[in-house]
Amino acid sequence: MLFLLNDVVFDLDEACPVTPGDARRFEMLGFDYVMELGCELFAENPFLQQNDPERARRLAWLIHDRSPEVNAALFAAPDTGCDPALVEPLFCALPATIMRQLKTRERRGELNALTADRAVWGRMAA
């Protein structure tokens, strides 16, 4: 299962990014809590997906585990160290073909914030 987090595509079918013990601990966390956690992480580090890919992959796993139809998330933080309330989270479910295309673009070095935005989010349009 591919998951787009900002401008990085993670393969969640690879080895589980959390231990079975952690997975049990996370069972009680709801989607809203995971979204707040993501906002906090990206407020601290707006480029989490690039600077700490393992932590970002765990977040992607948590999001998908709480909401299995979601396979793409964007956490737009205005600045490093900003208030987590200023981080804008967006989520969507993309067709598998789009996810494969994004992964191919990533492998070619063609996927960045602008191309991901144009392909998925449309925030920078116009």
C-alpha atoms as a PDB file:
ATOM      1  CA  MET A   1       0.000   0.000   0.000  1.00  0.00           C
ATOM      2  CA  LEU A   2       1.444   3.332  -1.063  1.00  0.00           C
ATOM      3  CA  PHE A   3       0.887   6.446   1.033  1.00  0.00           C
ATOM      4  CA  LEU A   4       1.737  10.012  -0.004  1.00  0.00           C
ATOM      5  CA  LEU A   5       2.868  12.192   2.913  1.00  0.00           C
ATOM      6  CA  ASN A   6       3.463  15.733   1.667  1.00  0.00           C
ATOM      7  CA  ASP A   7       5.873  15.008  -1.208  1.00  0.00           C
ATOM      8  CA  VAL A   8       7.180  11.538  -0.307  1.00  0.00           C
ATOM      9  CA  VAL A   9       5.522   8.238  -1.204  1.00  0.00           C
ATOM     10  CA  PHE A  10       5.947   5.563   1.460  1.00  0.00           C
ATOM     11  CA  ASP A  11       5.333   1.870   0.875  1.00  0.00           C
ATOM     12  CA  LEU A  12       3.413   0.757   3.953  1.00  0.00           C
ATOM     13  CA  ASP A  13       3.569  -2.896   2.843  1.00  0.00           C
ATOM     14  CA  GLU A  14       7.254  -3.013   3.729  1.00  0.00           C
ATOM     15  CA  ALA A  15       8.100  -4.133   7.259  1.00  0.00           C
ATOM     16  CA  CYS A  16       5.652  -2.609   9.732  1.00  0.00           C
ATOM     17  CA  PRO A  17       7.104   0.664  11.017  1.00  0.00           C
ATOM     18  CA  VAL A  18       5.871  -0.007  14.558  1.00  0.00           C
ATOM     19  CA  THR A  19       6.482  -2.913  16.882  1.00  0.00           C
ATOM     20  CA  PRO A  20       3.549  -5.149  17.862  1.00  0.00           C
ATOM     21  CA  GLY A  21       3.715  -3.623  21.365  1.00  0.00           C
ATOM     22  CA  ASP A  22       3.495  -0.101  19.970  1.00  0.00           C
ATOM     23  CA  ALA A  23       0.641  -1.148  17.689  1.00  0.00           C
ATOM     24  CA  ARG A  24      -1.304  -2.304  20.760  1.00  0.00           C
ATOM     25  CA  ARG A  25      -0.560   0.993  22.534  1.00  0.00           C
ATOM     26  CA  PHE A  26      -1.789   2.948  19.511  1.00  0.00           C
ATOM     27  CA  GLU A  27      -5.082   1.007  19.266  1.00  0.00           C
ATOM     28  CA  MET A  28      -6.886   3.492  21.489  1.00  0.00           C
ATOM     29  CA  LEU A  29      -5.795   6.561  19.518  1.00  0.00           C
ATOM     30  CA  GLY A  30      -8.514   8.018  17.326  1.00  0.00           C
ATOM     31  CA  PHE A  31      -8.053   9.720  13.972  1.00  0.00           C
ATOM     32  CA  ASP A  32      -8.414  13.197  15.506  1.00  0.00           C
ATOM     33  CA  TYR A  33      -5.589  12.502  17.947  1.00  0.00           C
ATOM     34  CA  VAL A  34      -3.344  11.193  15.152  1.00  0.00           C
ATOM     35  CA  MET A  35      -4.133  14.322  13.102  1.00  0.00           C
ATOM     36  CA  GLU A  36      -3.147  16.531  16.067  1.00  0.00           C
ATOM     37  CA  LEU A  37       0.029  14.502  16.495  1.00  0.00           C
ATOM     38  CA  GLY A  38       0.851  15.061  12.820  1.00  0.00           C
ATOM     39  CA  CYS A  39       0.288  18.807  13.208  1.00  0.00           C
ATOM     40  CA  GLU A  40       2.623  18.865  16.215  1.00  0.00           C
ATOM     41  CA  LEU A  41       5.311  16.899  14.382  1.00  0.00           C
ATOM     42  CA  PHE A  42       5.165  19.116  11.302  1.00  0.00           C
ATOM     43  CA  ALA A  43       5.060  22.291  13.425  1.00  0.00           C
ATOM     44  CA  GLU A  44       8.402  21.214  14.887  1.00  0.00           C
ATOM     45  CA  ASN A  45       9.807  20.047  11.566  1.00  0.00           C
ATOM     46  CA  PRO A  46       7.959  21.158   8.381  1.00  0.00           C
ATOM     47  CA  PHE A  47      10.137  18.806   6.311  1.00  0.00           C
ATOM     48  CA  LEU A  48       9.626  15.773   8.545  1.00  0.00           C
ATOM     49  CA  GLN A  49       9.010  13.512   5.536  1.00  0.00           C
ATOM     50  CA  GLN A  50      12.549  14.267   4.305  1.00  0.00           C
ATOM     51  CA  ASN A  51      14.433  14.930   7.559  1.00  0.00           C
ATOM     52  CA  ASP A  52      13.038  12.001   9.560  1.00  0.00           C
ATOM     53  CA  PRO A  53      11.509   9.527   7.087  1.00  0.00           C
ATOM     54  CA  GLU A  54      11.088   6.754   9.670  1.00  0.00           C
ATOM     55  CA  ARG A  55       9.007   8.972  11.955  1.00  0.00           C
ATOM     56  CA  ALA A  56       7.050  10.221   8.935  1.00  0.00           C
ATOM     57  CA  ARG A  57       6.429   6.636   7.803  1.00  0.00           C
ATOM     58  CA  ARG A  58       5.094   5.746  11.269  1.00  0.00           C
ATOM     59  CA  LEU A  59       2.754   8.734  11.074  1.00  0.00           C
ATOM     60  CA  ALA A  60       1.579   7.622   7.619  1.00  0.00           C
ATOM     61  CA  TRP A  61       0.976   4.134   9.006  1.00  0.00           C
ATOM     62  CA  LEU A  62      -1.042   5.539  11.934  1.00  0.00           C
ATOM     63  CA  ILE A  63      -3.166   7.693   9.626  1.00  0.00           C
ATOM     64  CA  HIS A  64      -3.896   4.781   7.318  1.00  0.00           C
ATOM     65  CA  ASP A  65      -4.518   2.431  10.249  1.00  0.00           C
ATOM     66  CA  ARG A  66      -7.107   4.829  11.712  1.00  0.00           C
ATOM     67  CA  SER A  67      -8.697   5.674   8.368  1.00  0.00           C
ATOM     68  CA  PRO A  68      -7.941   2.900   5.841  1.00  0.00           C
ATOM     69  CA  GLU A  69      -9.465   4.754   2.885  1.00  0.00           C
ATOM     70  CA  VAL A  70      -6.960   7.607   3.289  1.00  0.00           C
ATOM     71  CA  ASN A  71      -3.721   7.156   1.348  1.00  0.00           C
ATOM     72  CA  ALA A  72      -2.503  10.754   1.100  1.00  0.00           C
ATOM     73  CA  ALA A  73      -1.899  13.445   3.700  1.00  0.00           C
ATOM     74  CA  LEU A  74      -0.510  16.945   3.573  1.00  0.00           C
ATOM     75  CA  PHE A  75       0.628  18.839   6.640  1.00  0.00           C
ATOM     76  CA  ALA A  76       1.378  22.411   5.569  1.00  0.00           C
ATOM     77  CA  ALA A  77       3.346  24.220   8.265  1.00  0.00           C
ATOM     78  CA  PRO A  78       4.119  27.903   7.718  1.00  0.00           C
ATOM     79  CA  ASP A  79       7.426  27.808   9.616  1.00  0.00           C
ATOM     80  CA  THR A  80       9.657  25.680  11.828  1.00  0.00           C
ATOM     81  CA  GLY A  81       8.580  25.853  15.444  1.00  0.00           C
ATOM     82  CA  CYS A  82       5.181  27.349  14.650  1.00  0.00           C
ATOM     83  CA  ASP A  83       2.064  26.803  16.735  1.00  0.00           C
ATOM     84  CA  PRO A  84       0.596  23.384  15.759  1.00  0.00           C
ATOM     85  CA  ALA A  85      -2.779  25.120  15.293  1.00  0.00           C
ATOM     86  CA  LEU A  86      -1.261  26.885  12.261  1.00  0.00           C
ATOM     87  CA  VAL A  87      -0.466  23.595  10.498  1.00  0.00           C
ATOM     88  CA  GLU A  88      -3.070  22.857   7.843  1.00  0.00           C
ATOM     89  CA  PRO A  89      -3.776  19.122   7.484  1.00  0.00           C
ATOM     90  CA  LEU A  90      -5.433  17.719   4.363  1.00  0.00           C
ATOM     91  CA  PHE A  91      -6.315  14.095   3.632  1.00  0.00           C
ATOM     92  CA  CYS A  92      -7.594  12.241   0.607  1.00  0.00           C
ATOM     93  CA  ALA A  93      -8.032   8.857  -1.015  1.00  0.00           C
ATOM     94  CA  LEU A  94      -6.254   8.578  -4.348  1.00  0.00           C
ATOM     95  CA  PRO A  95      -6.730   5.833  -6.930  1.00  0.00           C
ATOM     96  CA  ALA A  96      -3.989   3.189  -6.971  1.00  0.00           C
ATOM     97  CA  THR A  97      -2.958   4.241 -10.483  1.00  0.00           C
ATOM     98  CA  ILE A  98      -2.246   7.800  -9.301  1.00  0.00           C
ATOM     99  CA  MET A  99      -0.237   6.480  -6.361  1.00  0.00           C
ATOM    100  CA  ARG A 100       1.859   4.290  -8.678  1.00  0.00           C
ATOM    101  CA  GLN A 101       2.449   7.277 -10.978  1.00  0.00           C
ATOM    102  CA  LEU A 102       3.573   9.393  -8.020  1.00  0.00           C
ATOM    103  CA  LYS A 103       5.935   6.621  -6.862  1.00  0.00           C
ATOM    104  CA  THR A 104       7.397   6.395 -10.377  1.00  0.00           C
ATOM    105  CA  ARG A 105       7.912  10.163 -10.465  1.00  0.00           C
ATOM    106  CA  GLU A 106       9.581   9.967  -7.066  1.00  0.00           C
ATOM    107  CA  ARG A 107      11.966   7.223  -8.270  1.00  0.00           C
ATOM    108  CA  ARG A 108      12.906   9.435 -11.226  1.00  0.00           C
ATOM    109  CA  GLY A 109      13.564  12.369  -8.900  1.00  0.00           C
ATOM    110  CA  GLU A 110      10.616  14.293 -10.356  1.00  0.00           C
ATOM    111  CA  LEU A 111       8.406  14.449  -7.256  1.00  0.00           C
ATOM    112  CA  ASN A 112       8.711  17.529  -5.072  1.00  0.00           C
ATOM    113  CA  ALA A 113       6.329  19.805  -3.179  1.00  0.00           C
ATOM    114  CA  LEU A 114       5.236  21.637  -6.323  1.00  0.00           C
ATOM    115  CA  THR A 115       4.615  18.549  -8.459  1.00  0.00           C
ATOM    116  CA  ALA A 116       2.794  16.786  -5.589  1.00  0.00           C
ATOM    117  CA  ASP A 117       0.652  19.881  -5.099  1.00  0.00           C
ATOM    118  CA  ARG A 118      -0.218  20.068  -8.789  1.00  0.00           C
ATOM    119  CA  ALA A 119      -1.017  16.357  -8.960  1.00  0.00           C
ATOM    120  CA  VAL A 120      -3.010  16.081  -5.734  1.00  0.00           C
ATOM    121  CA  TRP A 121      -3.730  19.136  -3.629  1.00  0.00           C
ATOM    122  CA  GLY A 122      -4.086  22.134  -5.961  1.00  0.00           C
ATOM    123  CA  ARG A 123      -3.195  24.560  -3.169  1.00  0.00           C
ATOM    124  CA  MET A 124      -0.669  26.544  -5.212  1.00  0.00           C
ATOM    125  CA  ALA A 125      -2.818  26.777  -8.307  1.00  0.00           C
ATOM    126  CA  ALA A 126      -3.566  30.195  -9.746  1.00  0.00           C
END
